[in-house]
Amino acid sequence: MHRAGLIWLILWPFMKISITTKLFLAVLATAVLAVVAMGAASRWNFERGFVGYLNEQGVERLDAVVPNAAAAYRLNGSWDFLRDNPRPWFEIMRPAPSASGEHFEPGRSPALVSDLTGAVLRISLLDVDRRVIIGFRDVRKGAVERAVVVDGKTVGWVVMMPFQSVSEAGDQRFQKNQLRASWVIGSLCGLLAAGVAWWIARVLLAPVKRVATATHRLAAGDYASRVAVASHDEVGQLARDFNSLANTLQRNEQMRREFMADVSHELRTPLATIYGSSRLLKERFERIPEADRAELLSDVVSEAERLQRIIENLLLLTRLDATGVELEPVAVQVATRKAVEKVKARN
């Protein structure tokens, strides 16, 4: 019970907000959540795909180093020329002969080769016992390996540690640019979503608000209130139904007024007769001839019976309206006395 009361207190301010604001917030929140979800998915997919791309580029660079490493080993007979001497290693790291059309030449200054992926920094040369000779030192399980084969014999290994994330790939600036672009796109999408939500809340709900305003006027007794039908959708159908309801209520109100006027007239006539005859009998009873007194009393009784019939008919109409009894029409000839008597007998 305490938890339900707390939830009610939290939701109470939102329940007082107008339907326009609620719809605006709902559409805006949905659009923002969709943009955020799409942005998160795009970022995850970008990082995953970009890391895969970097690893593919690194493997291509690794394959380009293997022929140079084999040529250098064949030329020097061992890997001793690389120990504590990184210069030949840079020459080996140049593109393979198949890729550049050049051959490994000891002592030649290495050409500047673009390496935007940072793969060169992760390549290592291992001897046949898998000990690091030169290059990246932190070789762990999962490294990509290529054997260096000279005259059919494996003399070493060229390995590369794969990239695990964009930050490890050394391309944080590119990632920041992509993140900034994502934020800009997300902000623009949020503004667009806000505009669409405002349009929906203001434009599409305008007919509903007109119907609501007309309903308040109708409830206050303005039966002439109508709503302009501007569309053929559900809102337009609502407006048409409201107009039909207003027409029915206006017609019923007019019939009620006419009925009350008729009833008042029908009741006033016998009451006037009864009142006048009774007063005359009371004031001039002794001076009125006996024949006239009998006629006055007959008029009083007749008008009283007429008044009783009117009241009974009103009670009958009230019962029929309350119980919803369906009347069955019967064809009669009004001109014949028997038909009139038959109807009176049924009533």
Protein backbone atom coordinates (compact mmCIF):
# COMPACT_ATOMS: atom_id res chain seq x y z
CA MET A 1 0.00 0.00 0.00
CA HIS A 2 2.85 2.35 0.86
CA ARG A 3 4.54 1.61 -2.47
CA ALA A 4 1.31 2.20 -4.39
CA GLY A 5 0.85 5.53 -2.62
CA LEU A 6 4.40 6.56 -3.46
CA ILE A 7 3.88 5.71 -7.14
CA TRP A 8 0.64 7.69 -7.11
CA LEU A 9 2.43 10.73 -5.65
CA ILE A 10 5.12 10.48 -8.32
CA LEU A 11 2.65 10.14 -11.20
CA TRP A 12 0.16 12.70 -9.91
CA PRO A 13 1.90 15.78 -11.46
CA PHE A 14 2.03 14.03 -14.84
CA MET A 15 -1.68 13.14 -14.70
CA LYS A 16 -2.54 16.85 -14.51
CA ILE A 17 -0.72 17.61 -17.77
CA SER A 18 -2.86 18.29 -20.82
CA ILE A 19 -3.24 15.64 -23.51
CA THR A 20 -1.32 17.86 -25.94
CA THR A 21 1.70 17.94 -23.65
CA LYS A 22 1.41 14.22 -22.92
CA LEU A 23 1.33 13.37 -26.62
CA PHE A 24 4.24 15.72 -27.30
CA LEU A 25 6.34 14.15 -24.55
CA ALA A 26 5.40 10.61 -25.64
CA VAL A 27 6.32 11.16 -29.29
CA LEU A 28 9.50 13.06 -28.38
CA ALA A 29 10.60 10.42 -25.86
CA THR A 30 9.97 7.64 -28.39
CA ALA A 31 11.97 9.44 -31.07
CA VAL A 32 14.82 10.26 -28.67
CA LEU A 33 15.00 6.67 -27.44
CA ALA A 34 15.04 5.45 -31.04
CA VAL A 35 17.86 7.88 -31.90
CA VAL A 36 19.86 6.89 -28.82
CA ALA A 37 19.38 3.17 -29.51
CA MET A 38 20.31 3.61 -33.16
CA GLY A 39 23.35 5.69 -32.19
CA ALA A 40 24.53 3.11 -29.67
CA ALA A 41 24.05 0.30 -32.18
CA SER A 42 25.86 2.28 -34.88
CA ARG A 43 28.75 3.04 -32.55
CA TRP A 44 29.04 -0.58 -31.48
CA ASN A 45 28.89 -1.74 -35.08
CA PHE A 46 31.40 0.92 -36.14
CA GLU A 47 33.89 0.00 -33.45
CA ARG A 48 33.51 -3.68 -34.18
CA GLY A 49 33.78 -3.20 -37.93
CA PHE A 50 36.60 -0.70 -37.66
CA VAL A 51 38.65 -2.99 -35.43
CA GLY A 52 38.04 -5.78 -37.93
CA TYR A 53 39.18 -3.52 -40.73
CA LEU A 54 42.36 -2.62 -38.81
CA ASN A 55 43.09 -6.28 -38.19
CA GLU A 56 42.60 -7.08 -41.88
CA GLN A 57 44.99 -4.30 -42.83
CA GLY A 58 47.45 -5.53 -40.23
CA VAL A 59 47.34 -9.09 -41.60
CA GLU A 60 48.02 -7.76 -45.10
CA ARG A 61 50.99 -5.84 -43.74
CA LEU A 62 52.14 -8.95 -41.88
CA ASP A 63 52.00 -11.02 -45.07
CA ALA A 64 54.05 -8.34 -46.81
CA VAL A 65 56.82 -8.60 -44.18
CA VAL A 66 57.29 -12.39 -44.44
CA PRO A 67 59.08 -12.44 -47.86
CA ASN A 68 61.47 -9.69 -46.74
CA ALA A 69 62.23 -11.54 -43.51
CA ALA A 70 62.99 -14.73 -45.46
CA ALA A 71 65.24 -12.83 -47.88
CA ALA A 72 67.12 -11.18 -45.00
CA TYR A 73 67.66 -14.51 -43.24
CA ARG A 74 68.87 -16.14 -46.45
CA LEU A 75 71.32 -13.26 -46.97
CA ASN A 76 72.71 -13.22 -43.39
CA GLY A 77 72.37 -16.90 -42.44
CA SER A 78 70.82 -16.13 -39.02
CA TRP A 79 68.89 -13.51 -37.08
CA ASP A 80 71.95 -12.21 -35.25
CA PHE A 81 72.18 -9.16 -37.50
CA LEU A 82 68.91 -7.90 -36.01
CA ARG A 83 69.86 -8.18 -32.36
CA ASP A 84 70.35 -4.72 -30.89
CA ASN A 85 70.22 -3.27 -34.39
CA PRO A 86 66.76 -2.06 -35.40
CA ARG A 87 67.78 -0.47 -38.70
CA PRO A 88 67.63 -3.71 -40.78
CA TRP A 89 64.28 -4.44 -39.14
CA PHE A 90 62.86 -1.24 -40.60
CA GLU A 91 64.12 -2.32 -43.99
CA ILE A 92 62.44 -5.69 -43.57
CA MET A 93 59.21 -3.92 -42.62
CA ARG A 94 59.11 -2.27 -46.03
CA PRO A 95 56.53 -3.71 -48.47
CA ALA A 96 57.32 -7.09 -49.98
CA PRO A 97 58.88 -7.30 -53.46
CA SER A 98 55.59 -8.53 -54.86
CA ALA A 99 53.89 -5.42 -53.59
CA SER A 100 56.45 -2.74 -54.45
CA GLY A 101 58.48 -4.27 -57.24
CA GLU A 102 61.68 -3.75 -55.22
CA HIS A 103 63.97 -6.23 -53.45
CA PHE A 104 65.40 -6.21 -49.99
CA GLU A 105 68.82 -4.62 -49.99
CA PRO A 106 70.89 -4.45 -46.79
CA GLY A 107 72.13 -1.00 -45.85
CA ARG A 108 69.52 0.78 -47.95
CA SER A 109 67.59 3.54 -46.18
CA PRO A 110 64.03 2.43 -45.64
CA ALA A 111 61.38 4.16 -47.66
CA LEU A 112 58.63 5.97 -45.85
CA VAL A 113 55.60 3.75 -45.96
CA SER A 114 52.26 5.05 -44.77
CA ASP A 115 50.88 3.09 -41.85
CA LEU A 116 47.62 4.60 -40.68
CA THR A 117 46.54 1.48 -38.84
CA GLY A 118 49.46 1.19 -36.43
CA ALA A 119 49.99 -2.45 -37.39
CA VAL A 120 53.79 -2.01 -37.77
CA LEU A 121 54.10 -1.30 -34.07
CA ARG A 122 52.45 -4.64 -33.24
CA ILE A 123 54.55 -6.88 -35.48
CA SER A 124 57.28 -9.00 -33.90
CA LEU A 125 59.95 -11.35 -35.18
CA LEU A 126 60.39 -14.61 -33.23
CA ASP A 127 63.12 -17.19 -33.62
CA VAL A 128 62.38 -20.85 -34.16
CA ASP A 129 61.96 -21.30 -30.40
CA ARG A 130 59.36 -18.49 -30.40
CA ARG A 131 61.52 -16.03 -28.50
CA VAL A 132 61.18 -12.38 -29.41
CA ILE A 133 64.09 -11.12 -31.45
CA ILE A 134 62.86 -7.65 -32.29
CA GLY A 135 59.61 -5.73 -32.56
CA PHE A 136 56.61 -5.77 -30.30
CA ARG A 137 57.55 -7.44 -27.01
CA ASP A 138 54.21 -8.21 -25.45
CA VAL A 139 53.31 -11.24 -27.55
CA ARG A 140 50.40 -13.12 -26.03
CA LYS A 141 48.06 -15.91 -26.94
CA GLY A 142 45.88 -15.11 -29.92
CA ALA A 143 48.58 -13.45 -32.02
CA VAL A 144 48.44 -13.86 -35.81
CA GLU A 145 51.43 -15.92 -36.93
CA ARG A 146 53.24 -16.43 -40.23
CA ALA A 147 56.13 -18.87 -40.55
CA VAL A 148 59.39 -17.69 -42.15
CA VAL A 149 60.51 -20.58 -44.35
CA VAL A 150 63.96 -20.67 -45.95
CA ASP A 151 64.86 -23.63 -48.18
CA GLY A 152 61.95 -25.62 -46.84
CA LYS A 153 62.88 -25.08 -43.21
CA THR A 154 61.08 -22.88 -40.70
CA VAL A 155 63.64 -20.45 -39.32
CA GLY A 156 61.35 -18.09 -37.42
CA TRP A 157 57.96 -16.52 -37.06
CA VAL A 158 56.52 -13.14 -37.89
CA VAL A 159 53.63 -12.45 -35.56
CA MET A 160 51.23 -9.60 -34.93
CA MET A 161 49.00 -8.93 -31.95
CA PRO A 162 45.47 -8.15 -33.17
CA PHE A 163 43.71 -4.97 -32.17
CA GLN A 164 41.21 -5.39 -29.36
CA SER A 165 39.58 -1.96 -29.52
CA VAL A 166 39.80 1.33 -31.30
CA SER A 167 41.66 2.92 -28.40
CA GLU A 168 44.29 0.20 -28.57
CA ALA A 169 44.54 0.78 -32.29
CA GLY A 170 45.91 4.26 -31.69
CA ASP A 171 43.16 5.92 -33.72
CA GLN A 172 41.31 7.72 -30.96
CA ARG A 173 41.15 10.95 -32.92
CA PHE A 174 39.18 9.22 -35.69
CA GLN A 175 36.89 7.71 -33.09
CA LYS A 176 36.32 11.11 -31.49
CA ASN A 177 35.47 12.59 -34.87
CA GLN A 178 32.98 9.82 -35.50
CA LEU A 179 31.52 10.28 -32.02
CA ARG A 180 31.22 14.03 -32.56
CA ALA A 181 29.50 13.44 -35.90
CA SER A 182 27.13 10.98 -34.21
CA TRP A 183 26.26 13.56 -31.56
CA VAL A 184 25.58 16.19 -34.21
CA ILE A 185 23.38 13.81 -36.20
CA GLY A 186 21.62 12.69 -33.02
CA SER A 187 20.97 16.30 -32.00
CA LEU A 188 19.55 17.12 -35.43
CA CYS A 189 17.36 14.03 -35.26
CA GLY A 190 16.22 15.08 -31.78
CA LEU A 191 15.30 18.55 -33.04
CA LEU A 192 13.47 16.99 -35.98
CA ALA A 193 11.65 14.65 -33.61
CA ALA A 194 10.70 17.61 -31.41
CA GLY A 195 9.31 19.43 -34.46
CA VAL A 196 7.32 16.40 -35.55
CA ALA A 197 6.05 15.86 -32.01
CA TRP A 198 4.99 19.51 -31.77
CA TRP A 199 3.23 19.25 -35.14
CA ILE A 200 1.40 16.11 -34.07
CA ALA A 201 0.47 17.56 -30.70
CA ARG A 202 -0.73 20.89 -32.11
CA VAL A 203 -2.09 20.16 -35.56
CA LEU A 204 -3.48 16.65 -35.27
CA LEU A 205 -5.01 17.24 -31.85
CA ALA A 206 -6.62 20.54 -32.85
CA PRO A 207 -9.85 18.83 -34.10
CA VAL A 208 -10.01 16.77 -30.91
CA LYS A 209 -9.67 19.92 -28.83
CA ARG A 210 -12.45 21.54 -30.86
CA VAL A 211 -14.70 18.56 -30.17
CA ALA A 212 -13.80 18.74 -26.45
CA THR A 213 -14.63 22.47 -26.34
CA ALA A 214 -17.92 21.91 -28.13
CA THR A 215 -18.73 19.07 -25.72
CA HIS A 216 -18.30 21.43 -22.77
CA ARG A 217 -20.67 23.93 -24.40
CA LEU A 218 -23.16 21.15 -25.12
CA ALA A 219 -23.01 19.97 -21.50
CA ALA A 220 -23.70 23.56 -20.41
CA GLY A 221 -26.93 23.59 -22.44
CA ASP A 222 -25.77 25.09 -25.74
CA TYR A 223 -27.49 22.59 -28.01
CA ALA A 224 -26.74 24.68 -31.10
CA SER A 225 -23.00 23.96 -30.73
CA ARG A 226 -21.49 22.26 -33.79
CA VAL A 227 -18.00 21.15 -34.90
CA ALA A 228 -16.59 21.71 -38.38
CA VAL A 229 -15.72 18.43 -40.11
CA ALA A 230 -12.36 18.89 -41.80
CA SER A 231 -11.30 15.29 -42.54
CA HIS A 232 -12.60 11.81 -43.27
CA ASP A 233 -10.50 9.96 -40.70
CA GLU A 234 -11.43 8.86 -37.18
CA VAL A 235 -11.31 12.43 -35.89
CA GLY A 236 -13.65 13.53 -38.66
CA GLN A 237 -15.99 10.65 -37.79
CA LEU A 238 -15.88 11.80 -34.16
CA ALA A 239 -16.88 15.31 -35.25
CA ARG A 240 -19.75 13.94 -37.36
CA ASP A 241 -20.97 11.80 -34.48
CA PHE A 242 -20.82 14.80 -32.17
CA ASN A 243 -22.86 16.88 -34.61
CA SER A 244 -25.40 14.08 -34.89
CA LEU A 245 -25.63 13.86 -31.10
CA ALA A 246 -26.03 17.64 -30.85
CA ASN A 247 -28.80 17.56 -33.47
CA THR A 248 -30.61 14.83 -31.57
CA LEU A 249 -30.30 16.66 -28.26
CA GLN A 250 -31.44 19.92 -29.83
CA ARG A 251 -34.45 18.19 -31.41
CA ASN A 252 -35.29 16.46 -28.15
CA GLU A 253 -35.01 19.72 -26.26
CA GLN A 254 -37.33 21.39 -28.74
CA MET A 255 -39.80 18.52 -28.44
CA ARG A 256 -39.56 18.70 -24.66
CA ARG A 257 -40.36 22.40 -24.67
CA GLU A 258 -43.27 21.92 -27.04
CA PHE A 259 -44.52 19.02 -24.94
CA MET A 260 -44.31 21.06 -21.75
CA ALA A 261 -46.16 23.91 -23.47
CA ASP A 262 -48.87 21.51 -24.64
CA VAL A 263 -49.14 19.87 -21.24
CA SER A 264 -49.35 23.25 -19.55
CA HIS A 265 -52.11 24.27 -21.92
CA GLU A 266 -54.00 21.00 -21.46
CA LEU A 267 -53.74 21.26 -17.69
CA ARG A 268 -54.62 24.94 -17.54
CA THR A 269 -58.00 24.53 -19.29
CA PRO A 270 -59.61 21.95 -16.92
CA LEU A 271 -58.03 23.58 -13.89
CA ALA A 272 -59.48 26.95 -14.91
CA THR A 273 -62.90 25.40 -15.38
CA ILE A 274 -62.75 23.58 -12.05
CA TYR A 275 -61.48 26.65 -10.25
CA GLY A 276 -64.11 28.98 -11.76
CA SER A 277 -67.04 26.63 -11.19
CA SER A 278 -66.00 25.76 -7.67
CA ARG A 279 -65.55 29.41 -6.70
CA LEU A 280 -68.86 30.33 -8.20
CA LEU A 281 -70.61 27.56 -6.29
CA LYS A 282 -68.89 28.58 -3.10
CA GLU A 283 -69.70 32.28 -3.33
CA ARG A 284 -73.19 32.14 -4.83
CA PHE A 285 -74.46 28.71 -3.92
CA GLU A 286 -77.73 29.95 -2.38
CA ARG A 287 -78.56 32.32 -5.24
CA ILE A 288 -77.82 29.84 -8.04
CA PRO A 289 -80.79 27.88 -9.31
CA GLU A 290 -80.72 24.19 -8.65
CA ALA A 291 -80.51 23.36 -12.36
CA ASP A 292 -77.50 25.65 -12.81
CA ARG A 293 -75.85 24.16 -9.73
CA ALA A 294 -76.20 20.69 -11.19
CA GLU A 295 -74.69 21.91 -14.48
CA LEU A 296 -71.75 23.55 -12.69
CA LEU A 297 -71.10 20.42 -10.66
CA SER A 298 -71.27 18.34 -13.85
CA ASP A 299 -68.67 20.64 -15.45
CA VAL A 300 -66.39 20.28 -12.41
CA VAL A 301 -66.62 16.48 -12.50
CA SER A 302 -66.10 16.37 -16.25
CA GLU A 303 -63.05 18.60 -16.13
CA ALA A 304 -61.67 16.67 -13.14
CA GLU A 305 -62.02 13.42 -15.09
CA ARG A 306 -60.31 15.07 -18.04
CA LEU A 307 -57.50 16.22 -15.78
CA GLN A 308 -57.21 12.72 -14.34
CA ARG A 309 -56.87 11.23 -17.83
CA ILE A 310 -54.13 13.72 -18.72
CA ILE A 311 -52.22 12.81 -15.55
CA GLU A 312 -52.63 9.09 -16.22
CA ASN A 313 -51.33 9.56 -19.76
CA LEU A 314 -48.33 11.45 -18.40
CA LEU A 315 -47.63 8.66 -15.92
CA LEU A 316 -47.94 6.12 -18.72
CA LEU A 317 -45.43 8.03 -20.84
CA THR A 318 -43.08 8.19 -17.86
CA ARG A 319 -43.30 4.42 -17.30
CA LEU A 320 -42.77 3.70 -20.98
CA ASP A 321 -39.73 5.97 -21.07
CA ALA A 322 -38.28 4.41 -17.92
CA THR A 323 -38.83 0.77 -18.89
CA GLY A 324 -38.07 1.15 -22.57
CA VAL A 325 -41.22 -0.68 -23.66
CA GLU A 326 -41.50 -0.92 -27.41
CA LEU A 327 -44.87 0.10 -28.82
CA GLU A 328 -46.47 -2.04 -31.49
CA PRO A 329 -48.35 0.02 -34.06
CA VAL A 330 -51.84 -1.23 -34.91
CA ALA A 331 -53.70 -0.18 -38.05
CA VAL A 332 -57.08 1.31 -37.15
CA GLN A 333 -59.77 3.35 -38.86
CA VAL A 334 -59.96 6.51 -36.84
CA ALA A 335 -63.30 7.45 -38.43
CA THR A 336 -65.13 4.46 -36.89
CA ARG A 337 -66.38 4.66 -33.34
CA LYS A 338 -65.65 0.99 -32.72
CA ALA A 339 -61.98 1.41 -33.54
CA VAL A 340 -61.76 4.39 -31.18
CA GLU A 341 -63.44 2.44 -28.41
CA LYS A 342 -61.10 -0.50 -29.07
CA VAL A 343 -58.06 1.70 -28.64
CA LYS A 344 -59.49 3.23 -25.47
CA ALA A 345 -60.18 -0.27 -24.11
CA ARG A 346 -56.55 -1.31 -24.73
CA ASN A 347 -55.26 1.78 -22.96
